[in-house]
Amino acid sequence: MAQTFFEPDVADEPDTVKAHPEPPALALSVDDFAALEDRIVRAVELVKRERKARAAAEERAAKAEAQIGEQAPIVSELKQEIRSLRTERDQVRQRVERLLKQLDALEL
């Protein structure tokens, strides 16, 4: 028998072998679906809790920044006061040392 251009070179095979086999259908049991649904619900609840926690943390951070802003002038004022007190202490120390030297000179 003469072959034509459109005829295959191999003999006809039964359709048991397909060029692209179909993927097996996903078979989810009711229990599997319920478990998946439960996991999704828990994930959604977790995301909601984390968003609330993040919002609360951001609010606390904003309050802390506001307090820092309010206390910055007080801190600056206290630093200045410490500097002046240290200067005064040094002056008093020098005066006491001079007085002690004068007393030592009298005892000779």
C-alpha atoms as a PDB file:
ATOM      1  CA  MET A   1       0.000   0.000   0.000  1.00  0.00           C
ATOM      2  CA  ALA A   2       1.372   3.323  -0.946  1.00  0.00           C
ATOM      3  CA  GLN A   3       1.703   5.964   1.727  1.00  0.00           C
ATOM      4  CA  THR A   4       0.647   9.482   1.146  1.00  0.00           C
ATOM      5  CA  PHE A   5       2.051  12.607   2.659  1.00  0.00           C
ATOM      6  CA  PHE A   6      -0.692  12.860   5.274  1.00  0.00           C
ATOM      7  CA  GLU A   7      -0.608   9.281   6.482  1.00  0.00           C
ATOM      8  CA  PRO A   8       1.396   8.390   9.574  1.00  0.00           C
ATOM      9  CA  ASP A   9       4.372   6.061   9.343  1.00  0.00           C
ATOM     10  CA  VAL A  10       3.169   3.854  12.141  1.00  0.00           C
ATOM     11  CA  ALA A  11       0.188   1.644  12.213  1.00  0.00           C
ATOM     12  CA  ASP A  12      -2.919   2.786  14.010  1.00  0.00           C
ATOM     13  CA  GLU A  13      -2.575   2.247  17.750  1.00  0.00           C
ATOM     14  CA  PRO A  14      -5.411   2.072  20.190  1.00  0.00           C
ATOM     15  CA  ASP A  15      -6.192   5.271  22.107  1.00  0.00           C
ATOM     16  CA  THR A  16      -4.765   3.892  25.335  1.00  0.00           C
ATOM     17  CA  VAL A  17      -1.643   6.041  25.023  1.00  0.00           C
ATOM     18  CA  LYS A  18      -2.423   9.740  24.784  1.00  0.00           C
ATOM     19  CA  ALA A  19       0.000  12.462  23.844  1.00  0.00           C
ATOM     20  CA  HIS A  20      -0.974  14.657  26.827  1.00  0.00           C
ATOM     21  CA  PRO A  21      -2.358  12.690  29.722  1.00  0.00           C
ATOM     22  CA  GLU A  22      -4.929  14.572  31.793  1.00  0.00           C
ATOM     23  CA  PRO A  23      -3.958  15.379  35.377  1.00  0.00           C
ATOM     24  CA  PRO A  24      -5.838  13.400  37.943  1.00  0.00           C
ATOM     25  CA  ALA A  25      -8.851  15.205  39.306  1.00  0.00           C
ATOM     26  CA  LEU A  26      -8.432  16.706  42.759  1.00  0.00           C
ATOM     27  CA  ALA A  27     -10.491  14.673  45.086  1.00  0.00           C
ATOM     28  CA  LEU A  28     -11.065  16.510  48.339  1.00  0.00           C
ATOM     29  CA  SER A  29     -13.021  14.754  50.976  1.00  0.00           C
ATOM     30  CA  VAL A  30     -15.371  16.694  53.178  1.00  0.00           C
ATOM     31  CA  ASP A  31     -12.923  16.333  56.063  1.00  0.00           C
ATOM     32  CA  ASP A  32     -10.048  17.680  53.956  1.00  0.00           C
ATOM     33  CA  PHE A  33     -12.131  20.641  52.847  1.00  0.00           C
ATOM     34  CA  ALA A  34     -13.231  21.353  56.427  1.00  0.00           C
ATOM     35  CA  ALA A  35      -9.625  21.203  57.609  1.00  0.00           C
ATOM     36  CA  LEU A  36      -8.565  23.596  54.851  1.00  0.00           C
ATOM     37  CA  GLU A  37     -11.406  25.943  55.718  1.00  0.00           C
ATOM     38  CA  ASP A  38     -10.412  25.841  59.381  1.00  0.00           C
ATOM     39  CA  ARG A  39      -6.801  26.675  58.537  1.00  0.00           C
ATOM     40  CA  ILE A  40      -7.888  29.609  56.384  1.00  0.00           C
ATOM     41  CA  VAL A  41     -10.146  30.943  59.154  1.00  0.00           C
ATOM     42  CA  ARG A  42      -7.290  30.681  61.661  1.00  0.00           C
ATOM     43  CA  ALA A  43      -4.930  32.444  59.249  1.00  0.00           C
ATOM     44  CA  VAL A  44      -7.406  35.292  58.773  1.00  0.00           C
ATOM     45  CA  GLU A  45      -7.842  35.633  62.547  1.00  0.00           C
ATOM     46  CA  LEU A  46      -4.075  35.673  62.994  1.00  0.00           C
ATOM     47  CA  VAL A  47      -3.687  38.441  60.415  1.00  0.00           C
ATOM     48  CA  LYS A  48      -6.416  40.470  62.145  1.00  0.00           C
ATOM     49  CA  ARG A  49      -4.721  40.072  65.545  1.00  0.00           C
ATOM     50  CA  GLU A  50      -1.351  41.045  64.129  1.00  0.00           C
ATOM     51  CA  ARG A  51      -2.812  44.139  62.470  1.00  0.00           C
ATOM     52  CA  LYS A  52      -4.401  45.191  65.769  1.00  0.00           C
ATOM     53  CA  ALA A  53      -1.117  44.599  67.583  1.00  0.00           C
ATOM     54  CA  ARG A  54       0.767  46.606  64.980  1.00  0.00           C
ATOM     55  CA  ALA A  55      -1.715  49.486  65.241  1.00  0.00           C
ATOM     56  CA  ALA A  56      -1.386  49.446  69.038  1.00  0.00           C
ATOM     57  CA  ALA A  57       2.417  49.417  68.793  1.00  0.00           C
ATOM     58  CA  GLU A  58       2.384  52.321  66.351  1.00  0.00           C
ATOM     59  CA  GLU A  59       0.103  54.258  68.713  1.00  0.00           C
ATOM     60  CA  ARG A  60       2.434  53.590  71.659  1.00  0.00           C
ATOM     61  CA  ALA A  61       5.406  54.679  69.565  1.00  0.00           C
ATOM     62  CA  ALA A  62       3.643  57.907  68.594  1.00  0.00           C
ATOM     63  CA  LYS A  63       2.840  58.634  72.258  1.00  0.00           C
ATOM     64  CA  ALA A  64       6.444  57.934  73.253  1.00  0.00           C
ATOM     65  CA  GLU A  65       7.727  60.286  70.555  1.00  0.00           C
ATOM     66  CA  ALA A  66       5.336  62.980  71.770  1.00  0.00           C
ATOM     67  CA  GLN A  67       6.575  62.534  75.342  1.00  0.00           C
ATOM     68  CA  ILE A  68      10.172  62.756  74.179  1.00  0.00           C
ATOM     69  CA  GLY A  69       9.332  65.965  72.361  1.00  0.00           C
ATOM     70  CA  GLU A  70       7.737  67.385  75.496  1.00  0.00           C
ATOM     71  CA  GLN A  71      10.632  66.371  77.736  1.00  0.00           C
ATOM     72  CA  ALA A  72      13.461  67.506  75.453  1.00  0.00           C
ATOM     73  CA  PRO A  73      13.406  71.119  76.749  1.00  0.00           C
ATOM     74  CA  ILE A  74      13.361  69.864  80.341  1.00  0.00           C
ATOM     75  CA  VAL A  75      16.366  67.648  79.671  1.00  0.00           C
ATOM     76  CA  SER A  76      18.212  70.530  78.069  1.00  0.00           C
ATOM     77  CA  GLU A  77      17.438  72.739  81.057  1.00  0.00           C
ATOM     78  CA  LEU A  78      18.635  70.065  83.485  1.00  0.00           C
ATOM     79  CA  LYS A  79      21.884  69.609  81.557  1.00  0.00           C
ATOM     80  CA  GLN A  80      22.525  73.342  81.781  1.00  0.00           C
ATOM     81  CA  GLU A  81      21.790  73.288  85.503  1.00  0.00           C
ATOM     82  CA  ILE A  82      24.229  70.410  86.022  1.00  0.00           C
ATOM     83  CA  ARG A  83      26.939  72.339  84.167  1.00  0.00           C
ATOM     84  CA  SER A  84      26.387  75.418  86.318  1.00  0.00           C
ATOM     85  CA  LEU A  85      26.376  73.350  89.525  1.00  0.00           C
ATOM     86  CA  ARG A  86      29.641  71.662  88.543  1.00  0.00           C
ATOM     87  CA  THR A  87      31.199  75.037  87.818  1.00  0.00           C
ATOM     88  CA  GLU A  88      30.009  76.330  91.179  1.00  0.00           C
ATOM     89  CA  ARG A  89      31.360  73.213  92.923  1.00  0.00           C
ATOM     90  CA  ASP A  90      34.771  73.731  91.326  1.00  0.00           C
ATOM     91  CA  GLN A  91      34.798  77.366  92.454  1.00  0.00           C
ATOM     92  CA  VAL A  92      33.883  76.375  96.009  1.00  0.00           C
ATOM     93  CA  ARG A  93      36.585  73.699  95.989  1.00  0.00           C
ATOM     94  CA  GLN A  94      39.186  76.243  94.898  1.00  0.00           C
ATOM     95  CA  ARG A  95      38.111  78.679  97.624  1.00  0.00           C
ATOM     96  CA  VAL A  96      38.271  75.947 100.275  1.00  0.00           C
ATOM     97  CA  GLU A  97      41.734  74.938  99.078  1.00  0.00           C
ATOM     98  CA  ARG A  98      42.917  78.552  99.338  1.00  0.00           C
ATOM     99  CA  LEU A  99      41.509  78.849 102.859  1.00  0.00           C
ATOM    100  CA  LEU A 100      43.198  75.599 103.877  1.00  0.00           C
ATOM    101  CA  LYS A 101      46.518  76.870 102.505  1.00  0.00           C
ATOM    102  CA  GLN A 102      46.102  80.077 104.480  1.00  0.00           C
ATOM    103  CA  LEU A 103      45.411  78.057 107.667  1.00  0.00           C
ATOM    104  CA  ASP A 104      48.458  75.907 107.029  1.00  0.00           C
ATOM    105  CA  ALA A 105      50.566  79.034 106.630  1.00  0.00           C
ATOM    106  CA  LEU A 106      49.319  80.398 110.011  1.00  0.00           C
ATOM    107  CA  GLU A 107      50.278  77.286 111.925  1.00  0.00           C
ATOM    108  CA  LEU A 108      53.926  77.512 110.982  1.00  0.00           C
END
